[in-house]
């Protein structure tokens, strides 16, 4: 089963950027829907080339890792 990765960057001004990696087809939109509920309103959205690739069946298990930039 393919592994998906979500990269979340929070800027000092509070702006949040999210990049879903490894989710093919509309699977990434499931992550986006969940993140919208957690983070809030979407200001801008850009689809990557992975969005246009054939979908793969996925079971989503979400984990969280916090990192601070130095």
PDB file of N, CA and C in Angstrom:
ATOM      1  N   UNK A   1       0.844  -1.168   0.000  1.00  0.00           N
ATOM      2  CA  UNK A   1       0.000   0.000   0.000  1.00  0.00           C
ATOM      3  C   UNK A   1       0.896   1.240   0.000  1.00  0.00           C
ATOM      4  N   UNK A   2       0.530   2.205  -0.817  1.00  0.00           N
ATOM      5  CA  UNK A   2       1.310   3.435  -0.924  1.00  0.00           C
ATOM      6  C   UNK A   2       1.234   4.245   0.353  1.00  0.00           C
ATOM      7  N   UNK A   3       2.336   4.904   0.659  1.00  0.00           N
ATOM      8  CA  UNK A   3       2.378   5.762   1.845  1.00  0.00           C
ATOM      9  C   UNK A   3       2.145   7.202   1.408  1.00  0.00           C
ATOM     10  N   UNK A   4       1.293   7.876   2.122  1.00  0.00           N
ATOM     11  CA  UNK A   4       1.012   9.282   1.841  1.00  0.00           C
ATOM     12  C   UNK A   4       1.646  10.133   2.934  1.00  0.00           C
ATOM     13  N   UNK A   5       2.070  11.303   2.542  1.00  0.00           N
ATOM     14  CA  UNK A   5       2.710  12.209   3.489  1.00  0.00           C
ATOM     15  C   UNK A   5       2.071  13.586   3.358  1.00  0.00           C
ATOM     16  N   UNK A   6       1.798  14.208   4.484  1.00  0.00           N
ATOM     17  CA  UNK A   6       1.244  15.554   4.488  1.00  0.00           C
ATOM     18  C   UNK A   6       2.252  16.478   5.150  1.00  0.00           C
ATOM     19  N   UNK A   7       2.697  17.452   4.400  1.00  0.00           N
ATOM     20  CA  UNK A   7       3.657  18.436   4.910  1.00  0.00           C
ATOM     21  C   UNK A   7       2.897  19.722   5.226  1.00  0.00           C
ATOM     22  N   UNK A   8       2.937  20.135   6.487  1.00  0.00           N
ATOM     23  CA  UNK A   8       2.228  21.346   6.916  1.00  0.00           C
ATOM     24  C   UNK A   8       3.262  22.354   7.413  1.00  0.00           C
ATOM     25  N   UNK A   9       3.229  23.546   6.837  1.00  0.00           N
ATOM     26  CA  UNK A   9       4.132  24.623   7.236  1.00  0.00           C
ATOM     27  C   UNK A   9       3.296  25.777   7.773  1.00  0.00           C
ATOM     28  N   UNK A  10       3.645  26.233   8.968  1.00  0.00           N
ATOM     29  CA  UNK A  10       2.948  27.379   9.568  1.00  0.00           C
ATOM     30  C   UNK A  10       3.946  28.530   9.642  1.00  0.00           C
ATOM     31  N   UNK A  11       3.645  29.596   8.917  1.00  0.00           N
ATOM     32  CA  UNK A  11       4.525  30.763   8.866  1.00  0.00           C
ATOM     33  C   UNK A  11       4.354  31.602  10.134  1.00  0.00           C
ATOM     34  N   UNK A  12       5.335  32.450  10.441  1.00  0.00           N
ATOM     35  CA  UNK A  12       5.241  33.315  11.619  1.00  0.00           C
ATOM     36  C   UNK A  12       3.975  34.183  11.643  1.00  0.00           C
ATOM     37  N   UNK A  13       3.446  34.520  10.453  1.00  0.00           N
ATOM     38  CA  UNK A  13       2.230  35.344  10.400  1.00  0.00           C
ATOM     39  C   UNK A  13       0.955  34.510  10.553  1.00  0.00           C
ATOM     40  N   UNK A  14       1.113  33.178  10.753  1.00  0.00           N
ATOM     41  CA  UNK A  14      -0.035  32.301  10.966  1.00  0.00           C
ATOM     42  C   UNK A  14      -0.557  31.638   9.707  1.00  0.00           C
ATOM     43  N   UNK A  15      -0.018  31.999   8.557  1.00  0.00           N
ATOM     44  CA  UNK A  15      -0.458  31.384   7.309  1.00  0.00           C
ATOM     45  C   UNK A  15      -0.015  29.924   7.280  1.00  0.00           C
ATOM     46  N   UNK A  16      -0.921  29.035   6.884  1.00  0.00           N
ATOM     47  CA  UNK A  16      -0.662  27.601   6.861  1.00  0.00           C
ATOM     48  C   UNK A  16      -0.595  27.121   5.418  1.00  0.00           C
ATOM     49  N   UNK A  17       0.459  26.372   5.084  1.00  0.00           N
ATOM     50  CA  UNK A  17       0.595  25.761   3.759  1.00  0.00           C
ATOM     51  C   UNK A  17       0.620  24.252   3.956  1.00  0.00           C
ATOM     52  N   UNK A  18      -0.147  23.544   3.126  1.00  0.00           N
ATOM     53  CA  UNK A  18      -0.248  22.090   3.219  1.00  0.00           C
ATOM     54  C   UNK A  18       0.088  21.495   1.866  1.00  0.00           C
ATOM     55  N   UNK A  19       0.933  20.451   1.872  1.00  0.00           N
ATOM     56  CA  UNK A  19       1.283  19.736   0.648  1.00  0.00           C
ATOM     57  C   UNK A  19       1.067  18.252   0.903  1.00  0.00           C
ATOM     58  N   UNK A  20       0.152  17.641   0.149  1.00  0.00           N
ATOM     59  CA  UNK A  20      -0.129  16.204   0.263  1.00  0.00           C
ATOM     60  C   UNK A  20       0.734  15.495  -0.767  1.00  0.00           C
ATOM     61  N   UNK A  21       1.566  14.549  -0.307  1.00  0.00           N
ATOM     62  CA  UNK A  21       2.471  13.823  -1.200  1.00  0.00           C
ATOM     63  C   UNK A  21       2.086  12.348  -1.260  1.00  0.00           C
ATOM     64  N   UNK A  22       2.139  11.776  -2.458  1.00  0.00           N
ATOM     65  CA  UNK A  22       1.930  10.346  -2.632  1.00  0.00           C
ATOM     66  C   UNK A  22       0.490   9.918  -2.800  1.00  0.00           C
ATOM     67  N   UNK A  23      -0.454  10.825  -2.685  1.00  0.00           N
ATOM     68  CA  UNK A  23      -1.870  10.484  -2.846  1.00  0.00           C
ATOM     69  C   UNK A  23      -2.261  10.731  -4.297  1.00  0.00           C
ATOM     70  N   UNK A  24      -2.556   9.678  -5.008  1.00  0.00           N
ATOM     71  CA  UNK A  24      -2.883   9.779  -6.430  1.00  0.00           C
ATOM     72  C   UNK A  24      -4.365  10.053  -6.630  1.00  0.00           C
ATOM     73  N   UNK A  25      -4.687  10.737  -7.715  1.00  0.00           N
ATOM     74  CA  UNK A  25      -6.081  11.005  -8.051  1.00  0.00           C
ATOM     75  C   UNK A  25      -6.760  11.872  -7.012  1.00  0.00           C
ATOM     76  N   UNK A  26      -8.029  11.613  -6.820  1.00  0.00           N
ATOM     77  CA  UNK A  26      -8.825  12.442  -5.914  1.00  0.00           C
ATOM     78  C   UNK A  26      -8.641  12.064  -4.447  1.00  0.00           C
ATOM     79  N   UNK A  27      -7.781  11.080  -4.164  1.00  0.00           N
ATOM     80  CA  UNK A  27      -7.505  10.701  -2.779  1.00  0.00           C
ATOM     81  C   UNK A  27      -6.996  11.896  -1.985  1.00  0.00           C
ATOM     82  N   UNK A  28      -6.197  12.735  -2.607  1.00  0.00           N
ATOM     83  CA  UNK A  28      -5.650  13.906  -1.912  1.00  0.00           C
ATOM     84  C   UNK A  28      -6.764  14.841  -1.446  1.00  0.00           C
ATOM     85  N   UNK A  29      -7.886  14.832  -2.161  1.00  0.00           N
ATOM     86  CA  UNK A  29      -8.992  15.713  -1.788  1.00  0.00           C
ATOM     87  C   UNK A  29      -9.650  15.259  -0.483  1.00  0.00           C
ATOM     88  N   UNK A  30      -9.554  13.966  -0.160  1.00  0.00           N
ATOM     89  CA  UNK A  30     -10.046  13.472   1.130  1.00  0.00           C
ATOM     90  C   UNK A  30      -9.222  14.080   2.267  1.00  0.00           C
ATOM     91  N   UNK A  31      -7.908  14.143   2.062  1.00  0.00           N
ATOM     92  CA  UNK A  31      -7.040  14.789   3.046  1.00  0.00           C
ATOM     93  C   UNK A  31      -7.387  16.278   3.145  1.00  0.00           C
ATOM     94  N   UNK A  32      -7.575  16.910   2.005  1.00  0.00           N
ATOM     95  CA  UNK A  32      -7.887  18.341   1.984  1.00  0.00           C
ATOM     96  C   UNK A  32      -9.186  18.628   2.737  1.00  0.00           C
ATOM     97  N   UNK A  33     -10.179  17.783   2.544  1.00  0.00           N
ATOM     98  CA  UNK A  33     -11.451  17.952   3.236  1.00  0.00           C
ATOM     99  C   UNK A  33     -11.257  17.861   4.752  1.00  0.00           C
ATOM    100  N   UNK A  34     -10.499  16.861   5.197  1.00  0.00           N
ATOM    101  CA  UNK A  34     -10.224  16.687   6.630  1.00  0.00           C
ATOM    102  C   UNK A  34      -9.444  17.881   7.174  1.00  0.00           C
ATOM    103  N   UNK A  35      -8.429  18.308   6.444  1.00  0.00           N
ATOM    104  CA  UNK A  35      -7.602  19.427   6.902  1.00  0.00           C
ATOM    105  C   UNK A  35      -8.389  20.729   6.969  1.00  0.00           C
ATOM    106  N   UNK A  36      -9.322  20.928   6.069  1.00  0.00           N
ATOM    107  CA  UNK A  36     -10.161  22.125   6.107  1.00  0.00           C
ATOM    108  C   UNK A  36     -10.966  22.163   7.399  1.00  0.00           C
ATOM    109  N   UNK A  37     -11.432  21.003   7.837  1.00  0.00           N
ATOM    110  CA  UNK A  37     -12.170  20.931   9.094  1.00  0.00           C
ATOM    111  C   UNK A  37     -11.269  21.252  10.279  1.00  0.00           C
ATOM    112  N   UNK A  38     -10.007  20.860  10.207  1.00  0.00           N
ATOM    113  CA  UNK A  38      -9.057  21.065  11.308  1.00  0.00           C
ATOM    114  C   UNK A  38      -8.479  22.478  11.284  1.00  0.00           C
ATOM    115  N   UNK A  39      -8.031  22.927  10.123  1.00  0.00           N
ATOM    116  CA  UNK A  39      -7.296  24.183  10.004  1.00  0.00           C
ATOM    117  C   UNK A  39      -8.221  25.371   9.750  1.00  0.00           C
ATOM    118  N   UNK A  40      -9.173  25.208   8.867  1.00  0.00           N
ATOM    119  CA  UNK A  40     -10.081  26.310   8.553  1.00  0.00           C
ATOM    120  C   UNK A  40     -10.196  26.551   7.064  1.00  0.00           C
ATOM    121  N   UNK A  41     -10.644  27.732   6.715  1.00  0.00           N
ATOM    122  CA  UNK A  41     -10.943  28.121   5.343  1.00  0.00           C
ATOM    123  C   UNK A  41      -9.721  28.029   4.423  1.00  0.00           C
ATOM    124  N   UNK A  42      -9.969  27.580   3.190  1.00  0.00           N
ATOM    125  CA  UNK A  42      -8.908  27.484   2.177  1.00  0.00           C
ATOM    126  C   UNK A  42      -8.836  28.810   1.423  1.00  0.00           C
ATOM    127  N   UNK A  43      -7.634  29.381   1.368  1.00  0.00           N
ATOM    128  CA  UNK A  43      -7.430  30.645   0.661  1.00  0.00           C
ATOM    129  C   UNK A  43      -7.071  30.390  -0.801  1.00  0.00           C
ATOM    130  N   UNK A  44      -6.241  29.358  -1.047  1.00  0.00           N
ATOM    131  CA  UNK A  44      -5.760  29.054  -2.382  1.00  0.00           C
ATOM    132  C   UNK A  44      -5.494  27.556  -2.464  1.00  0.00           C
ATOM    133  N   UNK A  45      -5.740  26.970  -3.616  1.00  0.00           N
ATOM    134  CA  UNK A  45      -5.510  25.533  -3.777  1.00  0.00           C
ATOM    135  C   UNK A  45      -4.870  25.290  -5.136  1.00  0.00           C
ATOM    136  N   UNK A  46      -3.796  24.499  -5.161  1.00  0.00           N
ATOM    137  CA  UNK A  46      -3.120  24.149  -6.409  1.00  0.00           C
ATOM    138  C   UNK A  46      -3.027  22.634  -6.480  1.00  0.00           C
ATOM    139  N   UNK A  47      -3.435  22.073  -7.612  1.00  0.00           N
ATOM    140  CA  UNK A  47      -3.371  20.629  -7.802  1.00  0.00           C
ATOM    141  C   UNK A  47      -2.028  20.248  -8.411  1.00  0.00           C
ATOM    142  N   UNK A  48      -1.418  19.176  -7.890  1.00  0.00           N
ATOM    143  CA  UNK A  48      -0.152  18.683  -8.428  1.00  0.00           C
ATOM    144  C   UNK A  48      -0.427  17.676  -9.540  1.00  0.00           C
ATOM    145  N   UNK A  49       0.601  17.236 -10.207  1.00  0.00           N
ATOM    146  CA  UNK A  49       0.439  16.243 -11.273  1.00  0.00           C
ATOM    147  C   UNK A  49      -0.107  14.920 -10.731  1.00  0.00           C
ATOM    148  N   UNK A  50       0.130  14.619  -9.443  1.00  0.00           N
ATOM    149  CA  UNK A  50      -0.382  13.383  -8.845  1.00  0.00           C
ATOM    150  C   UNK A  50      -1.907  13.348  -8.852  1.00  0.00           C
ATOM    151  N   UNK A  51      -2.547  14.496  -8.811  1.00  0.00           N
ATOM    152  CA  UNK A  51      -4.009  14.563  -8.825  1.00  0.00           C
ATOM    153  C   UNK A  51      -4.559  13.942 -10.116  1.00  0.00           C
ATOM    154  N   UNK A  52      -3.838  14.086 -11.208  1.00  0.00           N
ATOM    155  CA  UNK A  52      -4.294  13.623 -12.512  1.00  0.00           C
ATOM    156  C   UNK A  52      -3.897  12.173 -12.803  1.00  0.00           C
ATOM    157  N   UNK A  53      -3.165  11.531 -11.886  1.00  0.00           N
ATOM    158  CA  UNK A  53      -2.782  10.130 -12.049  1.00  0.00           C
ATOM    159  C   UNK A  53      -3.932   9.230 -11.583  1.00  0.00           C
ATOM    160  N   UNK A  54      -3.952   7.971 -12.062  1.00  0.00           N
ATOM    161  CA  UNK A  54      -5.020   7.061 -11.642  1.00  0.00           C
ATOM    162  C   UNK A  54      -5.035   6.878 -10.127  1.00  0.00           C
ATOM    163  N   UNK A  55      -6.247   6.836  -9.576  1.00  0.00           N
ATOM    164  CA  UNK A  55      -6.409   6.673  -8.134  1.00  0.00           C
ATOM    165  C   UNK A  55      -5.989   5.282  -7.688  1.00  0.00           C
ATOM    166  N   UNK A  56      -5.513   5.210  -6.460  1.00  0.00           N
ATOM    167  CA  UNK A  56      -5.248   3.927  -5.830  1.00  0.00           C
ATOM    168  C   UNK A  56      -6.138   3.840  -4.601  1.00  0.00           C
ATOM    169  N   UNK A  57      -6.571   2.636  -4.278  1.00  0.00           N
ATOM    170  CA  UNK A  57      -7.377   2.444  -3.079  1.00  0.00           C
ATOM    171  C   UNK A  57      -6.492   2.709  -1.877  1.00  0.00           C
ATOM    172  N   UNK A  58      -7.024   3.387  -0.894  1.00  0.00           N
ATOM    173  CA  UNK A  58      -6.223   3.747   0.268  1.00  0.00           C
ATOM    174  C   UNK A  58      -7.052   3.678   1.535  1.00  0.00           C
ATOM    175  N   UNK A  59      -6.405   3.251   2.597  1.00  0.00           N
ATOM    176  CA  UNK A  59      -6.988   3.320   3.930  1.00  0.00           C
ATOM    177  C   UNK A  59      -6.199   4.418   4.642  1.00  0.00           C
ATOM    178  N   UNK A  60      -6.873   5.435   5.083  1.00  0.00           N
ATOM    179  CA  UNK A  60      -6.193   6.598   5.645  1.00  0.00           C
ATOM    180  C   UNK A  60      -6.073   6.463   7.159  1.00  0.00           C
ATOM    181  N   UNK A  61      -4.818   6.498   7.643  1.00  0.00           N
ATOM    182  CA  UNK A  61      -4.510   6.493   9.062  1.00  0.00           C
ATOM    183  C   UNK A  61      -3.664   7.736   9.310  1.00  0.00           C
ATOM    184  N   UNK A  62      -4.198   8.696  10.019  1.00  0.00           N
ATOM    185  CA  UNK A  62      -3.521   9.975  10.191  1.00  0.00           C
ATOM    186  C   UNK A  62      -2.681   9.993  11.464  1.00  0.00           C
ATOM    187  N   UNK A  63      -1.430  10.434  11.334  1.00  0.00           N
ATOM    188  CA  UNK A  63      -0.555  10.640  12.482  1.00  0.00           C
ATOM    189  C   UNK A  63      -0.006  12.060  12.390  1.00  0.00           C
ATOM    190  N   UNK A  64       0.596  12.506  13.451  1.00  0.00           N
ATOM    191  CA  UNK A  64       1.063  13.885  13.515  1.00  0.00           C
ATOM    192  C   UNK A  64       2.473  13.924  14.065  1.00  0.00           C
ATOM    193  N   UNK A  65       3.307  14.756  13.469  1.00  0.00           N
ATOM    194  CA  UNK A  65       4.671  14.977  13.936  1.00  0.00           C
ATOM    195  C   UNK A  65       4.901  16.483  13.944  1.00  0.00           C
ATOM    196  N   UNK A  66       5.312  17.010  15.066  1.00  0.00           N
ATOM    197  CA  UNK A  66       5.544  18.440  15.182  1.00  0.00           C
ATOM    198  C   UNK A  66       7.038  18.719  15.119  1.00  0.00           C
ATOM    199  N   UNK A  67       7.410  19.693  14.311  1.00  0.00           N
ATOM    200  CA  UNK A  67       8.810  20.099  14.207  1.00  0.00           C
ATOM    201  C   UNK A  67       8.888  21.612  14.301  1.00  0.00           C
ATOM    202  N   UNK A  68       9.894  22.099  14.972  1.00  0.00           N
ATOM    203  CA  UNK A  68      10.120  23.538  15.040  1.00  0.00           C
ATOM    204  C   UNK A  68      11.308  23.880  14.182  1.00  0.00           C
ATOM    205  N   UNK A  69      11.174  24.972  13.427  1.00  0.00           N
ATOM    206  CA  UNK A  69      12.304  25.442  12.631  1.00  0.00           C
ATOM    207  C   UNK A  69      13.184  26.303  13.522  1.00  0.00           C
ATOM    208  N   UNK A  70      14.455  26.152  13.383  1.00  0.00           N
ATOM    209  CA  UNK A  70      15.412  26.922  14.169  1.00  0.00           C
ATOM    210  C   UNK A  70      15.742  28.212  13.497  1.00  0.00           C
TER     211      UNK A  70
END
